[in-house]
Amino acid sequence: MSEPVHQHIREFIVENFLFGDDDYELDNGVSLIETDLVDSTGILELVSFLEERFEIAVADADIVPGNLDSIDRIAAFVARKRGEGQRLAG
C-alpha cells in the first residue's frame, strides 16, 4: 500500500477526530468505529475528504465498515477506486 496515502489519511484523522493529538497511538489496523474515533457524521466528513483529496467518487454503497473502518481499509479502498478510474479512462 502506498505510504503517502496512509499518511494523508492519518493526518486527516488526527486533525479532525483527535483534534491534533499526535501522541495518540493510532495503529493502521485499528477500528475507527469500534474505538469511537469516528461516528456517522465523521464518516461523512471522511468521505468528503477522500473524494476531494484523492479525486475519487464514493457511492452510497461504498460507505461500509469494510471500506472505511481503519486506515489500512481506507487506503486499500482508495487504491481500488483509483484503479477503477484509470481503467475507465484507459
PDB file of N, CA and C in Angstrom:
ATOM      1  N   MET A   1       0.842  -1.182   0.000  1.00  0.00           N
ATOM      2  CA  MET A   1       0.000   0.000   0.000  1.00  0.00           C
ATOM      3  C   MET A   1       0.882   1.239   0.000  1.00  0.00           C
ATOM      4  N   SER A   2       0.421   2.256  -0.617  1.00  0.00           N
ATOM      5  CA  SER A   2       1.194   3.487  -0.746  1.00  0.00           C
ATOM      6  C   SER A   2       1.266   4.235   0.579  1.00  0.00           C
ATOM      7  N   GLU A   3       2.474   4.447   1.053  1.00  0.00           N
ATOM      8  CA  GLU A   3       2.667   5.145   2.329  1.00  0.00           C
ATOM      9  C   GLU A   3       2.111   6.568   2.311  1.00  0.00           C
ATOM     10  N   PRO A   4       2.289   7.342   1.211  1.00  0.00           N
ATOM     11  CA  PRO A   4       1.693   8.689   1.216  1.00  0.00           C
ATOM     12  C   PRO A   4       0.173   8.676   1.418  1.00  0.00           C
ATOM     13  N   VAL A   5      -0.515   7.690   0.863  1.00  0.00           N
ATOM     14  CA  VAL A   5      -1.963   7.603   1.042  1.00  0.00           C
ATOM     15  C   VAL A   5      -2.270   7.378   2.522  1.00  0.00           C
ATOM     16  N   HIS A   6      -1.580   6.418   3.139  1.00  0.00           N
ATOM     17  CA  HIS A   6      -1.756   6.174   4.570  1.00  0.00           C
ATOM     18  C   HIS A   6      -1.500   7.454   5.364  1.00  0.00           C
ATOM     19  N   GLN A   7      -0.439   8.165   5.024  1.00  0.00           N
ATOM     20  CA  GLN A   7      -0.052   9.364   5.763  1.00  0.00           C
ATOM     21  C   GLN A   7      -1.116  10.465   5.659  1.00  0.00           C
ATOM     22  N   HIS A   8      -1.644  10.684   4.454  1.00  0.00           N
ATOM     23  CA  HIS A   8      -2.684  11.708   4.275  1.00  0.00           C
ATOM     24  C   HIS A   8      -3.936  11.350   5.083  1.00  0.00           C
ATOM     25  N   ILE A   9      -4.298  10.080   5.068  1.00  0.00           N
ATOM     26  CA  ILE A   9      -5.475   9.629   5.818  1.00  0.00           C
ATOM     27  C   ILE A   9      -5.233   9.810   7.314  1.00  0.00           C
ATOM     28  N   ARG A  10      -4.068   9.373   7.777  1.00  0.00           N
ATOM     29  CA  ARG A  10      -3.715   9.517   9.196  1.00  0.00           C
ATOM     30  C   ARG A  10      -3.760  10.986   9.624  1.00  0.00           C
ATOM     31  N   GLU A  11      -3.175  11.871   8.827  1.00  0.00           N
ATOM     32  CA  GLU A  11      -3.165  13.294   9.155  1.00  0.00           C
ATOM     33  C   GLU A  11      -4.582  13.849   9.258  1.00  0.00           C
ATOM     34  N   PHE A  12      -5.454  13.439   8.339  1.00  0.00           N
ATOM     35  CA  PHE A  12      -6.846  13.894   8.389  1.00  0.00           C
ATOM     36  C   PHE A  12      -7.523  13.420   9.674  1.00  0.00           C
ATOM     37  N   ILE A  13      -7.332  12.154  10.017  1.00  0.00           N
ATOM     38  CA  ILE A  13      -7.963  11.591  11.218  1.00  0.00           C
ATOM     39  C   ILE A  13      -7.445  12.285  12.478  1.00  0.00           C
ATOM     40  N   VAL A  14      -6.142  12.455  12.565  1.00  0.00           N
ATOM     41  CA  VAL A  14      -5.557  13.114  13.742  1.00  0.00           C
ATOM     42  C   VAL A  14      -6.076  14.542  13.865  1.00  0.00           C
ATOM     43  N   GLU A  15      -6.098  15.258  12.763  1.00  0.00           N
ATOM     44  CA  GLU A  15      -6.512  16.662  12.799  1.00  0.00           C
ATOM     45  C   GLU A  15      -8.003  16.822  13.102  1.00  0.00           C
ATOM     46  N   ASN A  16      -8.836  15.975  12.517  1.00  0.00           N
ATOM     47  CA  ASN A  16     -10.280  16.162  12.611  1.00  0.00           C
ATOM     48  C   ASN A  16     -10.979  15.376  13.717  1.00  0.00           C
ATOM     49  N   PHE A  17     -10.426  14.229  14.097  1.00  0.00           N
ATOM     50  CA  PHE A  17     -11.098  13.402  15.098  1.00  0.00           C
ATOM     51  C   PHE A  17     -10.316  13.298  16.404  1.00  0.00           C
ATOM     52  N   LEU A  18      -9.026  13.548  16.349  1.00  0.00           N
ATOM     53  CA  LEU A  18      -8.208  13.548  17.565  1.00  0.00           C
ATOM     54  C   LEU A  18      -7.777  14.964  17.926  1.00  0.00           C
ATOM     55  N   PHE A  19      -8.255  15.924  17.161  1.00  0.00           N
ATOM     56  CA  PHE A  19      -8.005  17.349  17.395  1.00  0.00           C
ATOM     57  C   PHE A  19      -6.520  17.667  17.552  1.00  0.00           C
ATOM     58  N   GLY A  20      -5.717  17.049  16.662  1.00  0.00           N
ATOM     59  CA  GLY A  20      -4.285  17.329  16.613  1.00  0.00           C
ATOM     60  C   GLY A  20      -3.455  16.594  17.641  1.00  0.00           C
ATOM     61  N   ASP A  21      -4.032  15.637  18.370  1.00  0.00           N
ATOM     62  CA  ASP A  21      -3.300  14.890  19.398  1.00  0.00           C
ATOM     63  C   ASP A  21      -2.396  13.845  18.751  1.00  0.00           C
ATOM     64  N   ASP A  22      -1.160  14.262  18.429  1.00  0.00           N
ATOM     65  CA  ASP A  22      -0.195  13.362  17.784  1.00  0.00           C
ATOM     66  C   ASP A  22       0.290  12.260  18.714  1.00  0.00           C
ATOM     67  N   ASP A  23       0.050  12.385  20.012  1.00  0.00           N
ATOM     68  CA  ASP A  23       0.514  11.391  20.980  1.00  0.00           C
ATOM     69  C   ASP A  23      -0.368  10.148  21.020  1.00  0.00           C
ATOM     70  N   TYR A  24      -1.556  10.233  20.437  1.00  0.00           N
ATOM     71  CA  TYR A  24      -2.478   9.094  20.430  1.00  0.00           C
ATOM     72  C   TYR A  24      -1.895   7.983  19.564  1.00  0.00           C
ATOM     73  N   GLU A  25      -1.822   6.782  20.110  1.00  0.00           N
ATOM     74  CA  GLU A  25      -1.306   5.632  19.372  1.00  0.00           C
ATOM     75  C   GLU A  25      -2.399   5.137  18.419  1.00  0.00           C
ATOM     76  N   LEU A  26      -2.242   5.431  17.144  1.00  0.00           N
ATOM     77  CA  LEU A  26      -3.240   5.053  16.155  1.00  0.00           C
ATOM     78  C   LEU A  26      -2.624   4.077  15.169  1.00  0.00           C
ATOM     79  N   ASP A  27      -2.874   2.796  15.396  1.00  0.00           N
ATOM     80  CA  ASP A  27      -2.380   1.742  14.525  1.00  0.00           C
ATOM     81  C   ASP A  27      -3.185   1.740  13.234  1.00  0.00           C
ATOM     82  N   ASN A  28      -2.537   1.442  12.119  1.00  0.00           N
ATOM     83  CA  ASN A  28      -3.216   1.441  10.820  1.00  0.00           C
ATOM     84  C   ASN A  28      -4.371   0.443  10.736  1.00  0.00           C
ATOM     85  N   GLY A  29      -4.366  -0.576  11.572  1.00  0.00           N
ATOM     86  CA  GLY A  29      -5.413  -1.588  11.509  1.00  0.00           C
ATOM     87  C   GLY A  29      -6.522  -1.432  12.530  1.00  0.00           C
ATOM     88  N   VAL A  30      -6.403  -0.439  13.427  1.00  0.00           N
ATOM     89  CA  VAL A  30      -7.398  -0.279  14.491  1.00  0.00           C
ATOM     90  C   VAL A  30      -8.731   0.200  13.912  1.00  0.00           C
ATOM     91  N   SER A  31      -9.815  -0.341  14.450  1.00  0.00           N
ATOM     92  CA  SER A  31     -11.160   0.037  14.012  1.00  0.00           C
ATOM     93  C   SER A  31     -11.486   1.451  14.495  1.00  0.00           C
ATOM     94  N   LEU A  32     -11.767   2.329  13.565  1.00  0.00           N
ATOM     95  CA  LEU A  32     -12.120   3.710  13.902  1.00  0.00           C
ATOM     96  C   LEU A  32     -13.518   3.795  14.498  1.00  0.00           C
ATOM     97  N   ILE A  33     -14.376   2.851  14.121  1.00  0.00           N
ATOM     98  CA  ILE A  33     -15.758   2.855  14.599  1.00  0.00           C
ATOM     99  C   ILE A  33     -15.847   2.216  15.987  1.00  0.00           C
ATOM    100  N   GLU A  34     -15.231   1.045  16.167  1.00  0.00           N
ATOM    101  CA  GLU A  34     -15.294   0.356  17.456  1.00  0.00           C
ATOM    102  C   GLU A  34     -14.615   1.138  18.572  1.00  0.00           C
ATOM    103  N   THR A  35     -13.601   1.936  18.235  1.00  0.00           N
ATOM    104  CA  THR A  35     -12.913   2.737  19.247  1.00  0.00           C
ATOM    105  C   THR A  35     -13.578   4.097  19.429  1.00  0.00           C
ATOM    106  N   ASP A  36     -14.695   4.312  18.742  1.00  0.00           N
ATOM    107  CA  ASP A  36     -15.458   5.566  18.821  1.00  0.00           C
ATOM    108  C   ASP A  36     -14.671   6.795  18.369  1.00  0.00           C
ATOM    109  N   LEU A  37     -13.680   6.596  17.531  1.00  0.00           N
ATOM    110  CA  LEU A  37     -12.959   7.745  16.972  1.00  0.00           C
ATOM    111  C   LEU A  37     -13.796   8.453  15.918  1.00  0.00           C
ATOM    112  N   VAL A  38     -14.583   7.663  15.192  1.00  0.00           N
ATOM    113  CA  VAL A  38     -15.391   8.217  14.104  1.00  0.00           C
ATOM    114  C   VAL A  38     -16.836   7.747  14.284  1.00  0.00           C
ATOM    115  N   ASP A  39     -17.763   8.697  14.206  1.00  0.00           N
ATOM    116  CA  ASP A  39     -19.186   8.357  14.264  1.00  0.00           C
ATOM    117  C   ASP A  39     -19.785   8.531  12.865  1.00  0.00           C
ATOM    118  N   SER A  40     -21.084   8.461  12.743  1.00  0.00           N
ATOM    119  CA  SER A  40     -21.718   8.533  11.428  1.00  0.00           C
ATOM    120  C   SER A  40     -21.460   9.868  10.730  1.00  0.00           C
ATOM    121  N   THR A  41     -21.465  10.950  11.484  1.00  0.00           N
ATOM    122  CA  THR A  41     -21.158  12.255  10.892  1.00  0.00           C
ATOM    123  C   THR A  41     -19.693  12.297  10.461  1.00  0.00           C
ATOM    124  N   GLY A  42     -18.832  11.710  11.266  1.00  0.00           N
ATOM    125  CA  GLY A  42     -17.415  11.652  10.933  1.00  0.00           C
ATOM    126  C   GLY A  42     -17.161  10.865   9.663  1.00  0.00           C
ATOM    127  N   ILE A  43     -17.927   9.811   9.448  1.00  0.00           N
ATOM    128  CA  ILE A  43     -17.787   9.029   8.216  1.00  0.00           C
ATOM    129  C   ILE A  43     -18.096   9.909   7.015  1.00  0.00           C
ATOM    130  N   LEU A  44     -19.112  10.744   7.121  1.00  0.00           N
ATOM    131  CA  LEU A  44     -19.451  11.643   6.014  1.00  0.00           C
ATOM    132  C   LEU A  44     -18.334  12.652   5.767  1.00  0.00           C
ATOM    133  N   GLU A  45     -17.717  13.155   6.841  1.00  0.00           N
ATOM    134  CA  GLU A  45     -16.574  14.056   6.699  1.00  0.00           C
ATOM    135  C   GLU A  45     -15.411  13.331   6.024  1.00  0.00           C
ATOM    136  N   LEU A  46     -15.179  12.095   6.427  1.00  0.00           N
ATOM    137  CA  LEU A  46     -14.113  11.284   5.851  1.00  0.00           C
ATOM    138  C   LEU A  46     -14.349  11.052   4.363  1.00  0.00           C
ATOM    139  N   VAL A  47     -15.571  10.728   3.996  1.00  0.00           N
ATOM    140  CA  VAL A  47     -15.916  10.507   2.588  1.00  0.00           C
ATOM    141  C   VAL A  47     -15.669  11.776   1.777  1.00  0.00           C
ATOM    142  N   SER A  48     -16.078  12.896   2.299  1.00  0.00           N
ATOM    143  CA  SER A  48     -15.852  14.171   1.611  1.00  0.00           C
ATOM    144  C   SER A  48     -14.359  14.421   1.410  1.00  0.00           C
ATOM    145  N   PHE A  49     -13.570  14.169   2.447  1.00  0.00           N
ATOM    146  CA  PHE A  49     -12.115  14.311   2.351  1.00  0.00           C
ATOM    147  C   PHE A  49     -11.545  13.389   1.270  1.00  0.00           C
ATOM    148  N   LEU A  50     -11.950  12.133   1.269  1.00  0.00           N
ATOM    149  CA  LEU A  50     -11.429  11.168   0.295  1.00  0.00           C
ATOM    150  C   LEU A  50     -11.757  11.592  -1.132  1.00  0.00           C
ATOM    151  N   GLU A  51     -12.993  12.036  -1.346  1.00  0.00           N
ATOM    152  CA  GLU A  51     -13.389  12.464  -2.682  1.00  0.00           C
ATOM    153  C   GLU A  51     -12.564  13.657  -3.150  1.00  0.00           C
ATOM    154  N   GLU A  52     -12.356  14.593  -2.254  1.00  0.00           N
ATOM    155  CA  GLU A  52     -11.615  15.806  -2.596  1.00  0.00           C
ATOM    156  C   GLU A  52     -10.115  15.546  -2.750  1.00  0.00           C
ATOM    157  N   ARG A  53      -9.523  14.904  -1.765  1.00  0.00           N
ATOM    158  CA  ARG A  53      -8.066  14.727  -1.720  1.00  0.00           C
ATOM    159  C   ARG A  53      -7.568  13.745  -2.769  1.00  0.00           C
ATOM    160  N   PHE A  54      -8.297  12.651  -2.974  1.00  0.00           N
ATOM    161  CA  PHE A  54      -7.836  11.593  -3.865  1.00  0.00           C
ATOM    162  C   PHE A  54      -8.587  11.563  -5.193  1.00  0.00           C
ATOM    163  N   GLU A  55      -9.506  12.527  -5.367  1.00  0.00           N
ATOM    164  CA  GLU A  55     -10.256  12.661  -6.615  1.00  0.00           C
ATOM    165  C   GLU A  55     -10.926  11.354  -7.027  1.00  0.00           C
ATOM    166  N   ILE A  56     -11.683  10.804  -6.079  1.00  0.00           N
ATOM    167  CA  ILE A  56     -12.444   9.589  -6.339  1.00  0.00           C
ATOM    168  C   ILE A  56     -13.911   9.870  -6.056  1.00  0.00           C
ATOM    169  N   ALA A  57     -14.770   9.037  -6.588  1.00  0.00           N
ATOM    170  CA  ALA A  57     -16.200   9.127  -6.305  1.00  0.00           C
ATOM    171  C   ALA A  57     -16.561   7.983  -5.356  1.00  0.00           C
ATOM    172  N   VAL A  58     -17.209   8.337  -4.256  1.00  0.00           N
ATOM    173  CA  VAL A  58     -17.621   7.339  -3.276  1.00  0.00           C
ATOM    174  C   VAL A  58     -19.136   7.204  -3.359  1.00  0.00           C
ATOM    175  N   ALA A  59     -19.588   6.041  -3.800  1.00  0.00           N
ATOM    176  CA  ALA A  59     -21.023   5.773  -3.904  1.00  0.00           C
ATOM    177  C   ALA A  59     -21.588   5.443  -2.525  1.00  0.00           C
ATOM    178  N   ASP A  60     -22.882   5.613  -2.364  1.00  0.00           N
ATOM    179  CA  ASP A  60     -23.525   5.273  -1.092  1.00  0.00           C
ATOM    180  C   ASP A  60     -23.227   3.822  -0.705  1.00  0.00           C
ATOM    181  N   ALA A  61     -23.212   2.928  -1.677  1.00  0.00           N
ATOM    182  CA  ALA A  61     -22.957   1.512  -1.408  1.00  0.00           C
ATOM    183  C   ALA A  61     -21.534   1.262  -0.918  1.00  0.00           C
ATOM    184  N   ASP A  62     -20.621   2.216  -1.166  1.00  0.00           N
ATOM    185  CA  ASP A  62     -19.225   2.096  -0.724  1.00  0.00           C
ATOM    186  C   ASP A  62     -19.044   2.459   0.748  1.00  0.00           C
ATOM    187  N   ILE A  63     -20.037   3.102   1.336  1.00  0.00           N
ATOM    188  CA  ILE A  63     -19.909   3.604   2.707  1.00  0.00           C
ATOM    189  C   ILE A  63     -20.269   2.488   3.685  1.00  0.00           C
ATOM    190  N   VAL A  64     -19.332   1.563   3.833  1.00  0.00           N
ATOM    191  CA  VAL A  64     -19.486   0.412   4.721  1.00  0.00           C
ATOM    192  C   VAL A  64     -18.190   0.236   5.518  1.00  0.00           C
ATOM    193  N   PRO A  65     -18.278  -0.383   6.698  1.00  0.00           N
ATOM    194  CA  PRO A  65     -17.074  -0.581   7.504  1.00  0.00           C
ATOM    195  C   PRO A  65     -15.948  -1.313   6.765  1.00  0.00           C
ATOM    196  N   GLY A  66     -16.297  -2.213   5.872  1.00  0.00           N
ATOM    197  CA  GLY A  66     -15.277  -2.935   5.120  1.00  0.00           C
ATOM    198  C   GLY A  66     -14.369  -2.022   4.320  1.00  0.00           C
ATOM    199  N   ASN A  67     -14.849  -0.828   3.991  1.00  0.00           N
ATOM    200  CA  ASN A  67     -14.054   0.142   3.235  1.00  0.00           C
ATOM    201  C   ASN A  67     -13.482   1.257   4.095  1.00  0.00           C
ATOM    202  N   LEU A  68     -14.138   1.585   5.201  1.00  0.00           N
ATOM    203  CA  LEU A  68     -13.815   2.832   5.901  1.00  0.00           C
ATOM    204  C   LEU A  68     -13.537   2.683   7.397  1.00  0.00           C
ATOM    205  N   ASP A  69     -13.268   1.470   7.880  1.00  0.00           N
ATOM    206  CA  ASP A  69     -13.162   1.262   9.318  1.00  0.00           C
ATOM    207  C   ASP A  69     -11.750   1.371   9.897  1.00  0.00           C
ATOM    208  N   SER A  70     -10.728   1.454   9.064  1.00  0.00           N
ATOM    209  CA  SER A  70      -9.357   1.606   9.558  1.00  0.00           C
ATOM    210  C   SER A  70      -8.538   2.317   8.484  1.00  0.00           C
ATOM    211  N   ILE A  71      -7.381   2.788   8.876  1.00  0.00           N
ATOM    212  CA  ILE A  71      -6.510   3.454   7.905  1.00  0.00           C
ATOM    213  C   ILE A  71      -6.139   2.477   6.790  1.00  0.00           C
ATOM    214  N   ASP A  72      -5.823   1.231   7.147  1.00  0.00           N
ATOM    215  CA  ASP A  72      -5.479   0.231   6.128  1.00  0.00           C
ATOM    216  C   ASP A  72      -6.639  -0.003   5.162  1.00  0.00           C
ATOM    217  N   ARG A  73      -7.851  -0.140   5.693  1.00  0.00           N
ATOM    218  CA  ARG A  73      -9.019  -0.389   4.828  1.00  0.00           C
ATOM    219  C   ARG A  73      -9.325   0.817   3.948  1.00  0.00           C
ATOM    220  N   ILE A  74      -9.168   2.011   4.500  1.00  0.00           N
ATOM    221  CA  ILE A  74      -9.420   3.223   3.719  1.00  0.00           C
ATOM    222  C   ILE A  74      -8.395   3.339   2.587  1.00  0.00           C
ATOM    223  N   ALA A  75      -7.130   3.085   2.898  1.00  0.00           N
ATOM    224  CA  ALA A  75      -6.073   3.172   1.885  1.00  0.00           C
ATOM    225  C   ALA A  75      -6.305   2.138   0.775  1.00  0.00           C
ATOM    226  N   ALA A  76      -6.704   0.930   1.139  1.00  0.00           N
ATOM    227  CA  ALA A  76      -6.995  -0.105   0.142  1.00  0.00           C
ATOM    228  C   ALA A  76      -8.194   0.299  -0.719  1.00  0.00           C
ATOM    229  N   PHE A  77      -9.199   0.876  -0.085  1.00  0.00           N
ATOM    230  CA  PHE A  77     -10.381   1.348  -0.806  1.00  0.00           C
ATOM    231  C   PHE A  77      -9.994   2.433  -1.811  1.00  0.00           C
ATOM    232  N   VAL A  78      -9.182   3.393  -1.382  1.00  0.00           N
ATOM    233  CA  VAL A  78      -8.724   4.460  -2.275  1.00  0.00           C
ATOM    234  C   VAL A  78      -7.966   3.862  -3.453  1.00  0.00           C
ATOM    235  N   ALA A  79      -7.100   2.899  -3.192  1.00  0.00           N
ATOM    236  CA  ALA A  79      -6.328   2.257  -4.263  1.00  0.00           C
ATOM    237  C   ALA A  79      -7.260   1.578  -5.265  1.00  0.00           C
ATOM    238  N   ARG A  80      -8.277   0.887  -4.766  1.00  0.00           N
ATOM    239  CA  ARG A  80      -9.238   0.232  -5.673  1.00  0.00           C
ATOM    240  C   ARG A  80      -9.987   1.255  -6.509  1.00  0.00           C
ATOM    241  N   LYS A  81     -10.450   2.322  -5.859  1.00  0.00           N
ATOM    242  CA  LYS A  81     -11.204   3.355  -6.579  1.00  0.00           C
ATOM    243  C   LYS A  81     -10.332   4.041  -7.628  1.00  0.00           C
ATOM    244  N   ARG A  82      -9.095   4.304  -7.295  1.00  0.00           N
ATOM    245  CA  ARG A  82      -8.186   4.919  -8.266  1.00  0.00           C
ATOM    246  C   ARG A  82      -7.942   3.971  -9.444  1.00  0.00           C
ATOM    247  N   GLY A  83      -7.833   2.690  -9.157  1.00  0.00           N
ATOM    248  CA  GLY A  83      -7.648   1.698 -10.222  1.00  0.00           C
ATOM    249  C   GLY A  83      -8.851   1.646 -11.143  1.00  0.00           C
ATOM    250  N   GLU A  84     -10.047   1.742 -10.570  1.00  0.00           N
ATOM    251  CA  GLU A  84     -11.270   1.757 -11.373  1.00  0.00           C
ATOM    252  C   GLU A  84     -11.281   2.967 -12.294  1.00  0.00           C
ATOM    253  N   GLY A  85     -10.890   4.116 -11.771  1.00  0.00           N
ATOM    254  CA  GLY A  85     -10.873   5.332 -12.559  1.00  0.00           C
ATOM    255  C   GLY A  85      -9.886   5.249 -13.712  1.00  0.00           C
ATOM    256  N   GLN A  86      -8.740   4.644 -13.464  1.00  0.00           N
ATOM    257  CA  GLN A  86      -7.733   4.507 -14.515  1.00  0.00           C
ATOM    258  C   GLN A  86      -8.225   3.553 -15.601  1.00  0.00           C
ATOM    259  N   ARG A  87      -8.902   2.471 -15.195  1.00  0.00           N
ATOM    260  CA  ARG A  87      -9.425   1.523 -16.190  1.00  0.00           C
ATOM    261  C   ARG A  87     -10.499   2.179 -17.046  1.00  0.00           C
ATOM    262  N   LEU A  88     -11.361   2.995 -16.436  1.00  0.00           N
ATOM    263  CA  LEU A  88     -12.423   3.651 -17.174  1.00  0.00           C
ATOM    264  C   LEU A  88     -11.871   4.701 -18.140  1.00  0.00           C
ATOM    265  N   ALA A  89     -10.802   5.395 -17.730  1.00  0.00           N
ATOM    266  CA  ALA A  89     -10.213   6.428 -18.583  1.00  0.00           C
ATOM    267  C   ALA A  89      -9.392   5.816 -19.715  1.00  0.00           C
ATOM    268  N   GLY A  90      -8.879   4.614 -19.509  1.00  0.00           N
ATOM    269  CA  GLY A  90      -7.993   3.976 -20.485  1.00  0.00           C
ATOM    270  C   GLY A  90      -8.727   3.275 -21.522  1.00  0.00           C
TER     271      GLY A  90
END
